[in-house]
Amino acid sequence: MVAKLQDVAKRAGVTITTVSRVLNDFPHVSKKTHDKVYTAIRALNYHPNALARSLQGKSSKFIGLIFPTIANPFFSELSNELEVKLSAKGYKIIIASSANNVEAERRYLGML
């Protein structure tokens, strides 16, 4: 089962709002509260949901890459390098191959 914000709040003995404030580095959160929340986060192996954050207007940290083909060594090496560099900066990568098909590329653009 994936831990939710509510689970963290319950385990730490604080409100969901307090957990959110800790995760978003709001000022005026005591060290004791901060430590309780992060102890609960580690115990539950909680990870914020990137999609949920994006729906709240926050950055999802997703980057979509659409290539005409990944069979070409140039594109496969490029996608690998981009994934390594962007992952190190906390981004999640979605890689798609349009198979040189304009309609497939449009569908991927719509999805992303």
PDB file of N, CA and C in Angstrom:
ATOM      1  N   MET A   1       0.832  -1.184   0.000  1.00  0.00           N
ATOM      2  CA  MET A   1       0.000   0.000   0.000  1.00  0.00           C
ATOM      3  C   MET A   1       0.877   1.248   0.000  1.00  0.00           C
ATOM      4  N   VAL A   2       0.531   2.212  -0.804  1.00  0.00           N
ATOM      5  CA  VAL A   2       1.276   3.454  -0.904  1.00  0.00           C
ATOM      6  C   VAL A   2       0.812   4.402   0.210  1.00  0.00           C
ATOM      7  N   ALA A   3       1.767   4.944   0.936  1.00  0.00           N
ATOM      8  CA  ALA A   3       1.444   5.879   2.015  1.00  0.00           C
ATOM      9  C   ALA A   3       0.938   7.195   1.450  1.00  0.00           C
ATOM     10  N   LYS A   4      -0.056   7.764   2.131  1.00  0.00           N
ATOM     11  CA  LYS A   4      -0.636   9.043   1.728  1.00  0.00           C
ATOM     12  C   LYS A   4      -0.292  10.099   2.758  1.00  0.00           C
ATOM     13  N   LEU A   5      -0.547  11.335   2.401  1.00  0.00           N
ATOM     14  CA  LEU A   5      -0.307  12.456   3.303  1.00  0.00           C
ATOM     15  C   LEU A   5      -1.046  12.248   4.624  1.00  0.00           C
ATOM     16  N   GLN A   6      -2.268  11.740   4.546  1.00  0.00           N
ATOM     17  CA  GLN A   6      -3.068  11.490   5.750  1.00  0.00           C
ATOM     18  C   GLN A   6      -2.383  10.480   6.667  1.00  0.00           C
ATOM     19  N   ASP A   7      -1.753   9.464   6.072  1.00  0.00           N
ATOM     20  CA  ASP A   7      -1.051   8.450   6.867  1.00  0.00           C
ATOM     21  C   ASP A   7       0.123   9.064   7.620  1.00  0.00           C
ATOM     22  N   VAL A   8       0.830   9.946   6.946  1.00  0.00           N
ATOM     23  CA  VAL A   8       1.969  10.625   7.581  1.00  0.00           C
ATOM     24  C   VAL A   8       1.475  11.477   8.748  1.00  0.00           C
ATOM     25  N   ALA A   9       0.402  12.223   8.508  1.00  0.00           N
ATOM     26  CA  ALA A   9      -0.153  13.094   9.552  1.00  0.00           C
ATOM     27  C   ALA A   9      -0.575  12.280  10.768  1.00  0.00           C
ATOM     28  N   LYS A  10      -1.267  11.183  10.528  1.00  0.00           N
ATOM     29  CA  LYS A  10      -1.741  10.337  11.632  1.00  0.00           C
ATOM     30  C   LYS A  10      -0.562   9.776  12.425  1.00  0.00           C
ATOM     31  N   ARG A  11       0.426   9.264  11.727  1.00  0.00           N
ATOM     32  CA  ARG A  11       1.592   8.666  12.403  1.00  0.00           C
ATOM     33  C   ARG A  11       2.375   9.711  13.189  1.00  0.00           C
ATOM     34  N   ALA A  12       2.484  10.919  12.632  1.00  0.00           N
ATOM     35  CA  ALA A  12       3.243  11.982  13.310  1.00  0.00           C
ATOM     36  C   ALA A  12       2.416  12.670  14.395  1.00  0.00           C
ATOM     37  N   GLY A  13       1.103  12.438  14.390  1.00  0.00           N
ATOM     38  CA  GLY A  13       0.236  13.074  15.378  1.00  0.00           C
ATOM     39  C   GLY A  13       0.015  14.551  15.116  1.00  0.00           C
ATOM     40  N   VAL A  14      -0.037  14.907  13.833  1.00  0.00           N
ATOM     41  CA  VAL A  14      -0.247  16.300  13.442  1.00  0.00           C
ATOM     42  C   VAL A  14      -1.336  16.347  12.373  1.00  0.00           C
ATOM     43  N   THR A  15      -1.695  17.536  11.950  1.00  0.00           N
ATOM     44  CA  THR A  15      -2.701  17.686  10.897  1.00  0.00           C
ATOM     45  C   THR A  15      -2.061  17.527   9.519  1.00  0.00           C
ATOM     46  N   ILE A  16      -2.913  17.307   8.527  1.00  0.00           N
ATOM     47  CA  ILE A  16      -2.445  17.225   7.141  1.00  0.00           C
ATOM     48  C   ILE A  16      -1.820  18.555   6.731  1.00  0.00           C
ATOM     49  N   THR A  17      -2.399  19.645   7.198  1.00  0.00           N
ATOM     50  CA  THR A  17      -1.865  20.977   6.891  1.00  0.00           C
ATOM     51  C   THR A  17      -0.441  21.115   7.412  1.00  0.00           C
ATOM     52  N   THR A  18      -0.185  20.596   8.602  1.00  0.00           N
ATOM     53  CA  THR A  18       1.162  20.675   9.177  1.00  0.00           C
ATOM     54  C   THR A  18       2.148  19.866   8.343  1.00  0.00           C
ATOM     55  N   VAL A  19       1.748  18.679   7.914  1.00  0.00           N
ATOM     56  CA  VAL A  19       2.629  17.864   7.062  1.00  0.00           C
ATOM     57  C   VAL A  19       2.934  18.626   5.781  1.00  0.00           C
ATOM     58  N   SER A  20       1.913  19.225   5.183  1.00  0.00           N
ATOM     59  CA  SER A  20       2.106  20.005   3.962  1.00  0.00           C
ATOM     60  C   SER A  20       3.076  21.160   4.200  1.00  0.00           C
ATOM     61  N   ARG A  21       2.922  21.831   5.321  1.00  0.00           N
ATOM     62  CA  ARG A  21       3.823  22.949   5.629  1.00  0.00           C
ATOM     63  C   ARG A  21       5.261  22.481   5.794  1.00  0.00           C
ATOM     64  N   VAL A  22       5.440  21.337   6.423  1.00  0.00           N
ATOM     65  CA  VAL A  22       6.804  20.801   6.581  1.00  0.00           C
ATOM     66  C   VAL A  22       7.389  20.467   5.210  1.00  0.00           C
ATOM     67  N   LEU A  23       6.609  19.789   4.373  1.00  0.00           N
ATOM     68  CA  LEU A  23       7.100  19.387   3.046  1.00  0.00           C
ATOM     69  C   LEU A  23       7.402  20.578   2.143  1.00  0.00           C
ATOM     70  N   ASN A  24       6.676  21.675   2.348  1.00  0.00           N
ATOM     71  CA  ASN A  24       6.873  22.866   1.520  1.00  0.00           C
ATOM     72  C   ASN A  24       7.751  23.914   2.180  1.00  0.00           C
ATOM     73  N   ASP A  25       8.446  23.518   3.246  1.00  0.00           N
ATOM     74  CA  ASP A  25       9.407  24.388   3.943  1.00  0.00           C
ATOM     75  C   ASP A  25       8.813  25.719   4.386  1.00  0.00           C
ATOM     76  N   PHE A  26       7.590  25.684   4.917  1.00  0.00           N
ATOM     77  CA  PHE A  26       6.996  26.900   5.456  1.00  0.00           C
ATOM     78  C   PHE A  26       7.764  27.315   6.702  1.00  0.00           C
ATOM     79  N   PRO A  27       7.889  28.614   6.922  1.00  0.00           N
ATOM     80  CA  PRO A  27       8.544  29.069   8.148  1.00  0.00           C
ATOM     81  C   PRO A  27       7.622  28.825   9.355  1.00  0.00           C
ATOM     82  N   HIS A  28       8.166  28.963  10.513  1.00  0.00           N
ATOM     83  CA  HIS A  28       7.417  28.870  11.766  1.00  0.00           C
ATOM     84  C   HIS A  28       6.916  27.462  12.080  1.00  0.00           C
ATOM     85  N   VAL A  29       7.593  26.444  11.597  1.00  0.00           N
ATOM     86  CA  VAL A  29       7.300  25.073  12.003  1.00  0.00           C
ATOM     87  C   VAL A  29       8.424  24.673  12.945  1.00  0.00           C
ATOM     88  N   SER A  30       8.057  24.246  14.135  1.00  0.00           N
ATOM     89  CA  SER A  30       9.084  23.927  15.137  1.00  0.00           C
ATOM     90  C   SER A  30       9.945  22.757  14.686  1.00  0.00           C
ATOM     91  N   LYS A  31      11.152  22.710  15.191  1.00  0.00           N
ATOM     92  CA  LYS A  31      12.067  21.613  14.860  1.00  0.00           C
ATOM     93  C   LYS A  31      11.479  20.288  15.324  1.00  0.00           C
ATOM     94  N   LYS A  32      10.837  20.304  16.481  1.00  0.00           N
ATOM     95  CA  LYS A  32      10.228  19.081  17.013  1.00  0.00           C
ATOM     96  C   LYS A  32       9.165  18.542  16.042  1.00  0.00           C
ATOM     97  N   THR A  33       8.307  19.416  15.552  1.00  0.00           N
ATOM     98  CA  THR A  33       7.263  19.017  14.598  1.00  0.00           C
ATOM     99  C   THR A  33       7.892  18.552  13.297  1.00  0.00           C
ATOM    100  N   HIS A  34       8.864  19.295  12.809  1.00  0.00           N
ATOM    101  CA  HIS A  34       9.590  18.939  11.588  1.00  0.00           C
ATOM    102  C   HIS A  34      10.169  17.533  11.717  1.00  0.00           C
ATOM    103  N   ASP A  35      10.813  17.263  12.833  1.00  0.00           N
ATOM    104  CA  ASP A  35      11.435  15.952  13.047  1.00  0.00           C
ATOM    105  C   ASP A  35      10.396  14.834  13.127  1.00  0.00           C
ATOM    106  N   LYS A  36       9.267  15.097  13.799  1.00  0.00           N
ATOM    107  CA  LYS A  36       8.204  14.086  13.897  1.00  0.00           C
ATOM    108  C   LYS A  36       7.652  13.739  12.521  1.00  0.00           C
ATOM    109  N   VAL A  37       7.444  14.754  11.701  1.00  0.00           N
ATOM    110  CA  VAL A  37       6.905  14.523  10.360  1.00  0.00           C
ATOM    111  C   VAL A  37       7.893  13.727   9.512  1.00  0.00           C
ATOM    112  N   TYR A  38       9.168  14.105   9.553  1.00  0.00           N
ATOM    113  CA  TYR A  38      10.147  13.386   8.736  1.00  0.00           C
ATOM    114  C   TYR A  38      10.411  11.981   9.251  1.00  0.00           C
ATOM    115  N   THR A  39      10.255  11.758  10.532  1.00  0.00           N
ATOM    116  CA  THR A  39      10.363  10.402  11.076  1.00  0.00           C
ATOM    117  C   THR A  39       9.224   9.547  10.524  1.00  0.00           C
ATOM    118  N   ALA A  40       8.009  10.101  10.492  1.00  0.00           N
ATOM    119  CA  ALA A  40       6.854   9.389   9.940  1.00  0.00           C
ATOM    120  C   ALA A  40       7.028   9.133   8.443  1.00  0.00           C
ATOM    121  N   ILE A  41       7.555  10.124   7.732  1.00  0.00           N
ATOM    122  CA  ILE A  41       7.788   9.976   6.290  1.00  0.00           C
ATOM    123  C   ILE A  41       8.733   8.818   6.015  1.00  0.00           C
ATOM    124  N   ARG A  42       9.818   8.759   6.761  1.00  0.00           N
ATOM    125  CA  ARG A  42      10.792   7.669   6.572  1.00  0.00           C
ATOM    126  C   ARG A  42      10.187   6.322   6.948  1.00  0.00           C
ATOM    127  N   ALA A  43       9.458   6.274   8.059  1.00  0.00           N
ATOM    128  CA  ALA A  43       8.867   5.017   8.521  1.00  0.00           C
ATOM    129  C   ALA A  43       7.859   4.464   7.517  1.00  0.00           C
ATOM    130  N   LEU A  44       7.115   5.357   6.888  1.00  0.00           N
ATOM    131  CA  LEU A  44       6.078   4.940   5.933  1.00  0.00           C
ATOM    132  C   LEU A  44       6.592   4.872   4.495  1.00  0.00           C
ATOM    133  N   ASN A  45       7.831   5.295   4.288  1.00  0.00           N
ATOM    134  CA  ASN A  45       8.415   5.365   2.941  1.00  0.00           C
ATOM    135  C   ASN A  45       7.521   6.211   2.023  1.00  0.00           C
ATOM    136  N   TYR A  46       7.096   7.362   2.560  1.00  0.00           N
ATOM    137  CA  TYR A  46       6.200   8.255   1.833  1.00  0.00           C
ATOM    138  C   TYR A  46       6.959   9.038   0.769  1.00  0.00           C
ATOM    139  N   HIS A  47       6.342   9.146  -0.412  1.00  0.00           N
ATOM    140  CA  HIS A  47       6.867   9.967  -1.500  1.00  0.00           C
ATOM    141  C   HIS A  47       5.713  10.799  -2.037  1.00  0.00           C
ATOM    142  N   PRO A  48       5.896  12.124  -2.145  1.00  0.00           N
ATOM    143  CA  PRO A  48       4.810  12.960  -2.681  1.00  0.00           C
ATOM    144  C   PRO A  48       4.419  12.507  -4.083  1.00  0.00           C
ATOM    145  N   ASN A  49       3.138  12.573  -4.381  1.00  0.00           N
ATOM    146  CA  ASN A  49       2.610  12.199  -5.683  1.00  0.00           C
ATOM    147  C   ASN A  49       2.805  13.372  -6.645  1.00  0.00           C
ATOM    148  N   ALA A  50       3.650  13.183  -7.653  1.00  0.00           N
ATOM    149  CA  ALA A  50       3.971  14.260  -8.595  1.00  0.00           C
ATOM    150  C   ALA A  50       2.749  14.710  -9.383  1.00  0.00           C
ATOM    151  N   LEU A  51       1.881  13.777  -9.747  1.00  0.00           N
ATOM    152  CA  LEU A  51       0.689  14.148 -10.501  1.00  0.00           C
ATOM    153  C   LEU A  51      -0.247  14.994  -9.639  1.00  0.00           C
ATOM    154  N   ALA A  52      -0.429  14.604  -8.390  1.00  0.00           N
ATOM    155  CA  ALA A  52      -1.284  15.378  -7.491  1.00  0.00           C
ATOM    156  C   ALA A  52      -0.723  16.787  -7.295  1.00  0.00           C
ATOM    157  N   ARG A  53       0.597  16.896  -7.173  1.00  0.00           N
ATOM    158  CA  ARG A  53       1.216  18.215  -7.012  1.00  0.00           C
ATOM    159  C   ARG A  53       0.977  19.080  -8.241  1.00  0.00           C
ATOM    160  N   SER A  54       1.046  18.477  -9.416  1.00  0.00           N
ATOM    161  CA  SER A  54       0.846  19.263 -10.635  1.00  0.00           C
ATOM    162  C   SER A  54      -0.597  19.750 -10.746  1.00  0.00           C
ATOM    163  N   LEU A  55      -1.543  18.966 -10.227  1.00  0.00           N
ATOM    164  CA  LEU A  55      -2.939  19.381 -10.260  1.00  0.00           C
ATOM    165  C   LEU A  55      -3.191  20.553  -9.321  1.00  0.00           C
ATOM    166  N   GLN A  56      -2.333  20.724  -8.332  1.00  0.00           N
ATOM    167  CA  GLN A  56      -2.444  21.849  -7.410  1.00  0.00           C
ATOM    168  C   GLN A  56      -1.687  23.064  -7.926  1.00  0.00           C
ATOM    169  N   GLY A  57      -1.173  22.969  -9.140  1.00  0.00           N
ATOM    170  CA  GLY A  57      -0.456  24.093  -9.723  1.00  0.00           C
ATOM    171  C   GLY A  57       1.019  24.102  -9.383  1.00  0.00           C
ATOM    172  N   LYS A  58       1.495  23.038  -8.752  1.00  0.00           N
ATOM    173  CA  LYS A  58       2.914  22.947  -8.424  1.00  0.00           C
ATOM    174  C   LYS A  58       3.612  22.161  -9.525  1.00  0.00           C
ATOM    175  N   SER A  59       4.889  22.284  -9.596  1.00  0.00           N
ATOM    176  CA  SER A  59       5.661  21.604 -10.622  1.00  0.00           C
ATOM    177  C   SER A  59       5.607  20.092 -10.454  1.00  0.00           C
ATOM    178  N   SER A  60       5.347  19.385 -11.541  1.00  0.00           N
ATOM    179  CA  SER A  60       5.330  17.923 -11.492  1.00  0.00           C
ATOM    180  C   SER A  60       6.736  17.358 -11.648  1.00  0.00           C
ATOM    181  N   LYS A  61       7.623  18.172 -12.181  1.00  0.00           N
ATOM    182  CA  LYS A  61       8.991  17.754 -12.469  1.00  0.00           C
ATOM    183  C   LYS A  61       9.037  16.588 -13.461  1.00  0.00           C
ATOM    184  N   PHE A  62       8.047  16.536 -14.352  1.00  0.00           N
ATOM    185  CA  PHE A  62       8.049  15.579 -15.450  1.00  0.00           C
ATOM    186  C   PHE A  62       8.496  16.300 -16.711  1.00  0.00           C
ATOM    187  N   ILE A  63       9.306  15.621 -17.504  1.00  0.00           N
ATOM    188  CA  ILE A  63       9.708  16.150 -18.808  1.00  0.00           C
ATOM    189  C   ILE A  63       9.446  15.060 -19.832  1.00  0.00           C
ATOM    190  N   GLY A  64       8.732  15.424 -20.891  1.00  0.00           N
ATOM    191  CA  GLY A  64       8.437  14.479 -21.954  1.00  0.00           C
ATOM    192  C   GLY A  64       9.376  14.687 -23.133  1.00  0.00           C
ATOM    193  N   LEU A  65       9.914  13.593 -23.618  1.00  0.00           N
ATOM    194  CA  LEU A  65      10.791  13.623 -24.792  1.00  0.00           C
ATOM    195  C   LEU A  65      10.132  12.794 -25.888  1.00  0.00           C
ATOM    196  N   ILE A  66       9.916  13.403 -27.032  1.00  0.00           N
ATOM    197  CA  ILE A  66       9.332  12.681 -28.160  1.00  0.00           C
ATOM    198  C   ILE A  66      10.379  12.634 -29.271  1.00  0.00           C
ATOM    199  N   PHE A  67      10.757  11.424 -29.644  1.00  0.00           N
ATOM    200  CA  PHE A  67      11.746  11.232 -30.702  1.00  0.00           C
ATOM    201  C   PHE A  67      11.087  10.571 -31.899  1.00  0.00           C
ATOM    202  N   PRO A  68      11.586  10.845 -33.117  1.00  0.00           N
ATOM    203  CA  PRO A  68      11.013  10.200 -34.295  1.00  0.00           C
ATOM    204  C   PRO A  68      11.257   8.686 -34.267  1.00  0.00           C
ATOM    205  N   THR A  69      12.353   8.293 -33.648  1.00  0.00           N
ATOM    206  CA  THR A  69      12.684   6.870 -33.494  1.00  0.00           C
ATOM    207  C   THR A  69      13.776   6.748 -32.432  1.00  0.00           C
ATOM    208  N   ILE A  70      13.732   5.678 -31.682  1.00  0.00           N
ATOM    209  CA  ILE A  70      14.841   5.452 -30.739  1.00  0.00           C
ATOM    210  C   ILE A  70      15.774   4.366 -31.261  1.00  0.00           C
ATOM    211  N   ALA A  71      15.467   3.868 -32.469  1.00  0.00           N
ATOM    212  CA  ALA A  71      16.348   2.887 -33.098  1.00  0.00           C
ATOM    213  C   ALA A  71      17.631   3.549 -33.587  1.00  0.00           C
ATOM    214  N   ASN A  72      17.549   4.829 -33.909  1.00  0.00           N
ATOM    215  CA  ASN A  72      18.722   5.585 -34.343  1.00  0.00           C
ATOM    216  C   ASN A  72      19.642   5.793 -33.138  1.00  0.00           C
ATOM    217  N   PRO A  73      20.898   5.408 -33.236  1.00  0.00           N
ATOM    218  CA  PRO A  73      21.815   5.542 -32.100  1.00  0.00           C
ATOM    219  C   PRO A  73      21.932   6.975 -31.571  1.00  0.00           C
ATOM    220  N   PHE A  74      21.787   7.952 -32.449  1.00  0.00           N
ATOM    221  CA  PHE A  74      21.861   9.343 -32.006  1.00  0.00           C
ATOM    222  C   PHE A  74      20.766   9.628 -30.976  1.00  0.00           C
ATOM    223  N   PHE A  75      19.513   9.246 -31.302  1.00  0.00           N
ATOM    224  CA  PHE A  75      18.401   9.532 -30.402  1.00  0.00           C
ATOM    225  C   PHE A  75      18.461   8.709 -29.121  1.00  0.00           C
ATOM    226  N   SER A  76      18.915   7.467 -29.225  1.00  0.00           N
ATOM    227  CA  SER A  76      18.996   6.650 -28.016  1.00  0.00           C
ATOM    228  C   SER A  76      20.078   7.184 -27.074  1.00  0.00           C
ATOM    229  N   GLU A  77      21.209   7.613 -27.620  1.00  0.00           N
ATOM    230  CA  GLU A  77      22.254   8.194 -26.771  1.00  0.00           C
ATOM    231  C   GLU A  77      21.822   9.542 -26.200  1.00  0.00           C
ATOM    232  N   LEU A  78      21.150  10.347 -27.023  1.00  0.00           N
ATOM    233  CA  LEU A  78      20.656  11.637 -26.551  1.00  0.00           C
ATOM    234  C   LEU A  78      19.661  11.451 -25.410  1.00  0.00           C
ATOM    235  N   SER A  79      18.708  10.524 -25.583  1.00  0.00           N
ATOM    236  CA  SER A  79      17.710  10.307 -24.536  1.00  0.00           C
ATOM    237  C   SER A  79      18.362   9.783 -23.260  1.00  0.00           C
ATOM    238  N   ASN A  80      19.360   8.939 -23.399  1.00  0.00           N
ATOM    239  CA  ASN A  80      20.070   8.423 -22.227  1.00  0.00           C
ATOM    240  C   ASN A  80      20.780   9.546 -21.483  1.00  0.00           C
ATOM    241  N   GLU A  81      21.489  10.396 -22.208  1.00  0.00           N
ATOM    242  CA  GLU A  81      22.200  11.512 -21.575  1.00  0.00           C
ATOM    243  C   GLU A  81      21.235  12.487 -20.904  1.00  0.00           C
ATOM    244  N   LEU A  82      20.139  12.807 -21.591  1.00  0.00           N
ATOM    245  CA  LEU A  82      19.145  13.710 -21.013  1.00  0.00           C
ATOM    246  C   LEU A  82      18.546  13.106 -19.741  1.00  0.00           C
ATOM    247  N   GLU A  83      18.252  11.820 -19.785  1.00  0.00           N
ATOM    248  CA  GLU A  83      17.675  11.172 -18.612  1.00  0.00           C
ATOM    249  C   GLU A  83      18.635  11.205 -17.432  1.00  0.00           C
ATOM    250  N   VAL A  84      19.889  10.942 -17.662  1.00  0.00           N
ATOM    251  CA  VAL A  84      20.881  10.961 -16.586  1.00  0.00           C
ATOM    252  C   VAL A  84      21.003  12.366 -15.983  1.00  0.00           C
ATOM    253  N   LYS A  85      21.140  13.362 -16.838  1.00  0.00           N
ATOM    254  CA  LYS A  85      21.321  14.744 -16.369  1.00  0.00           C
ATOM    255  C   LYS A  85      20.072  15.269 -15.660  1.00  0.00           C
ATOM    256  N   LEU A  86      18.913  15.043 -16.251  1.00  0.00           N
ATOM    257  CA  LEU A  86      17.680  15.559 -15.666  1.00  0.00           C
ATOM    258  C   LEU A  86      17.286  14.813 -14.395  1.00  0.00           C
ATOM    259  N   SER A  87      17.532  13.523 -14.369  1.00  0.00           N
ATOM    260  CA  SER A  87      17.240  12.732 -13.174  1.00  0.00           C
ATOM    261  C   SER A  87      18.066  13.218 -11.994  1.00  0.00           C
ATOM    262  N   ALA A  88      19.301  13.594 -12.251  1.00  0.00           N
ATOM    263  CA  ALA A  88      20.172  14.108 -11.189  1.00  0.00           C
ATOM    264  C   ALA A  88      19.632  15.417 -10.618  1.00  0.00           C
ATOM    265  N   LYS A  89      18.803  16.109 -11.373  1.00  0.00           N
ATOM    266  CA  LYS A  89      18.205  17.367 -10.911  1.00  0.00           C
ATOM    267  C   LYS A  89      16.782  17.167 -10.379  1.00  0.00           C
ATOM    268  N   GLY A  90      16.383  15.887 -10.236  1.00  0.00           N
ATOM    269  CA  GLY A  90      15.085  15.593  -9.643  1.00  0.00           C
ATOM    270  C   GLY A  90      13.926  15.484 -10.605  1.00  0.00           C
ATOM    271  N   TYR A  91      14.201  15.456 -11.897  1.00  0.00           N
ATOM    272  CA  TYR A  91      13.127  15.348 -12.881  1.00  0.00           C
ATOM    273  C   TYR A  91      12.848  13.888 -13.215  1.00  0.00           C
ATOM    274  N   LYS A  92      11.609  13.619 -13.607  1.00  0.00           N
ATOM    275  CA  LYS A  92      11.208  12.308 -14.088  1.00  0.00           C
ATOM    276  C   LYS A  92      11.007  12.431 -15.589  1.00  0.00           C
ATOM    277  N   ILE A  93      11.481  11.446 -16.325  1.00  0.00           N
ATOM    278  CA  ILE A  93      11.486  11.527 -17.781  1.00  0.00           C
ATOM    279  C   ILE A  93      10.485  10.547 -18.372  1.00  0.00           C
ATOM    280  N   ILE A  94       9.720  11.031 -19.349  1.00  0.00           N
ATOM    281  CA  ILE A  94       8.840  10.178 -20.138  1.00  0.00           C
ATOM    282  C   ILE A  94       9.381  10.231 -21.565  1.00  0.00           C
ATOM    283  N   ILE A  95       9.718   9.067 -22.101  1.00  0.00           N
ATOM    284  CA  ILE A  95      10.293   9.004 -23.446  1.00  0.00           C
ATOM    285  C   ILE A  95       9.297   8.316 -24.372  1.00  0.00           C
ATOM    286  N   ALA A  96       9.044   8.952 -25.508  1.00  0.00           N
ATOM    287  CA  ALA A  96       8.121   8.395 -26.492  1.00  0.00           C
ATOM    288  C   ALA A  96       8.772   8.395 -27.864  1.00  0.00           C
ATOM    289  N   SER A  97       8.431   7.407 -28.654  1.00  0.00           N
ATOM    290  CA  SER A  97       8.904   7.325 -30.034  1.00  0.00           C
ATOM    291  C   SER A  97       7.697   7.426 -30.953  1.00  0.00           C
ATOM    292  N   SER A  98       7.722   8.427 -31.837  1.00  0.00           N
ATOM    293  CA  SER A  98       6.581   8.631 -32.739  1.00  0.00           C
ATOM    294  C   SER A  98       6.657   7.744 -33.981  1.00  0.00           C
ATOM    295  N   ALA A  99       7.739   7.004 -34.132  1.00  0.00           N
ATOM    296  CA  ALA A  99       7.934   6.121 -35.290  1.00  0.00           C
ATOM    297  C   ALA A  99       7.783   6.891 -36.604  1.00  0.00           C
ATOM    298  N   ASN A 100       8.292   8.135 -36.601  1.00  0.00           N
ATOM    299  CA  ASN A 100       8.217   9.005 -37.775  1.00  0.00           C
ATOM    300  C   ASN A 100       6.781   9.231 -38.245  1.00  0.00           C
ATOM    301  N   ASN A 101       5.828   9.164 -37.328  1.00  0.00           N
ATOM    302  CA  ASN A 101       4.419   9.323 -37.658  1.00  0.00           C
ATOM    303  C   ASN A 101       3.918  10.619 -37.023  1.00  0.00           C
ATOM    304  N   VAL A 102       3.499  11.565 -37.889  1.00  0.00           N
ATOM    305  CA  VAL A 102       3.068  12.881 -37.417  1.00  0.00           C
ATOM    306  C   VAL A 102       1.856  12.777 -36.489  1.00  0.00           C
ATOM    307  N   GLU A 103       0.912  11.902 -36.810  1.00  0.00           N
ATOM    308  CA  GLU A 103      -0.278  11.735 -35.967  1.00  0.00           C
ATOM    309  C   GLU A 103       0.097  11.176 -34.594  1.00  0.00           C
ATOM    310  N   ALA A 104       1.013  10.227 -34.567  1.00  0.00           N
ATOM    311  CA  ALA A 104       1.457   9.667 -33.284  1.00  0.00           C
ATOM    312  C   ALA A 104       2.130  10.761 -32.459  1.00  0.00           C
ATOM    313  N   GLU A 105       2.905  11.594 -33.127  1.00  0.00           N
ATOM    314  CA  GLU A 105       3.567  12.709 -32.430  1.00  0.00           C
ATOM    315  C   GLU A 105       2.535  13.677 -31.843  1.00  0.00           C
ATOM    316  N   ARG A 106       1.484  13.974 -32.596  1.00  0.00           N
ATOM    317  CA  ARG A 106       0.414  14.854 -32.098  1.00  0.00           C
ATOM    318  C   ARG A 106      -0.276  14.241 -30.882  1.00  0.00           C
ATOM    319  N   ARG A 107      -0.519  12.929 -30.925  1.00  0.00           N
ATOM    320  CA  ARG A 107      -1.162  12.261 -29.790  1.00  0.00           C
ATOM    321  C   ARG A 107      -0.278  12.360 -28.548  1.00  0.00           C
ATOM    322  N   TYR A 108       1.010  12.122 -28.724  1.00  0.00           N
ATOM    323  CA  TYR A 108       1.937  12.234 -27.589  1.00  0.00           C
ATOM    324  C   TYR A 108       1.969  13.664 -27.046  1.00  0.00           C
ATOM    325  N   LEU A 109       1.983  14.635 -27.946  1.00  0.00           N
ATOM    326  CA  LEU A 109       1.973  16.042 -27.503  1.00  0.00           C
ATOM    327  C   LEU A 109       0.712  16.351 -26.705  1.00  0.00           C
ATOM    328  N   GLY A 110      -0.417  15.833 -27.159  1.00  0.00           N
ATOM    329  CA  GLY A 110      -1.669  16.025 -26.438  1.00  0.00           C
ATOM    330  C   GLY A 110      -1.640  15.374 -25.060  1.00  0.00           C
ATOM    331  N   MET A 111      -1.068  14.203 -24.996  1.00  0.00           N
ATOM    332  CA  MET A 111      -0.977  13.478 -23.734  1.00  0.00           C
ATOM    333  C   MET A 111      -0.057  14.204 -22.757  1.00  0.00           C
ATOM    334  N   LEU A 112       1.061  14.678 -23.274  1.00  0.00           N
ATOM    335  CA  LEU A 112       2.039  15.338 -22.405  1.00  0.00           C
ATOM    336  C   LEU A 112       1.591  16.742 -22.047  1.00  0.00           C
TER     337      LEU A 112
END
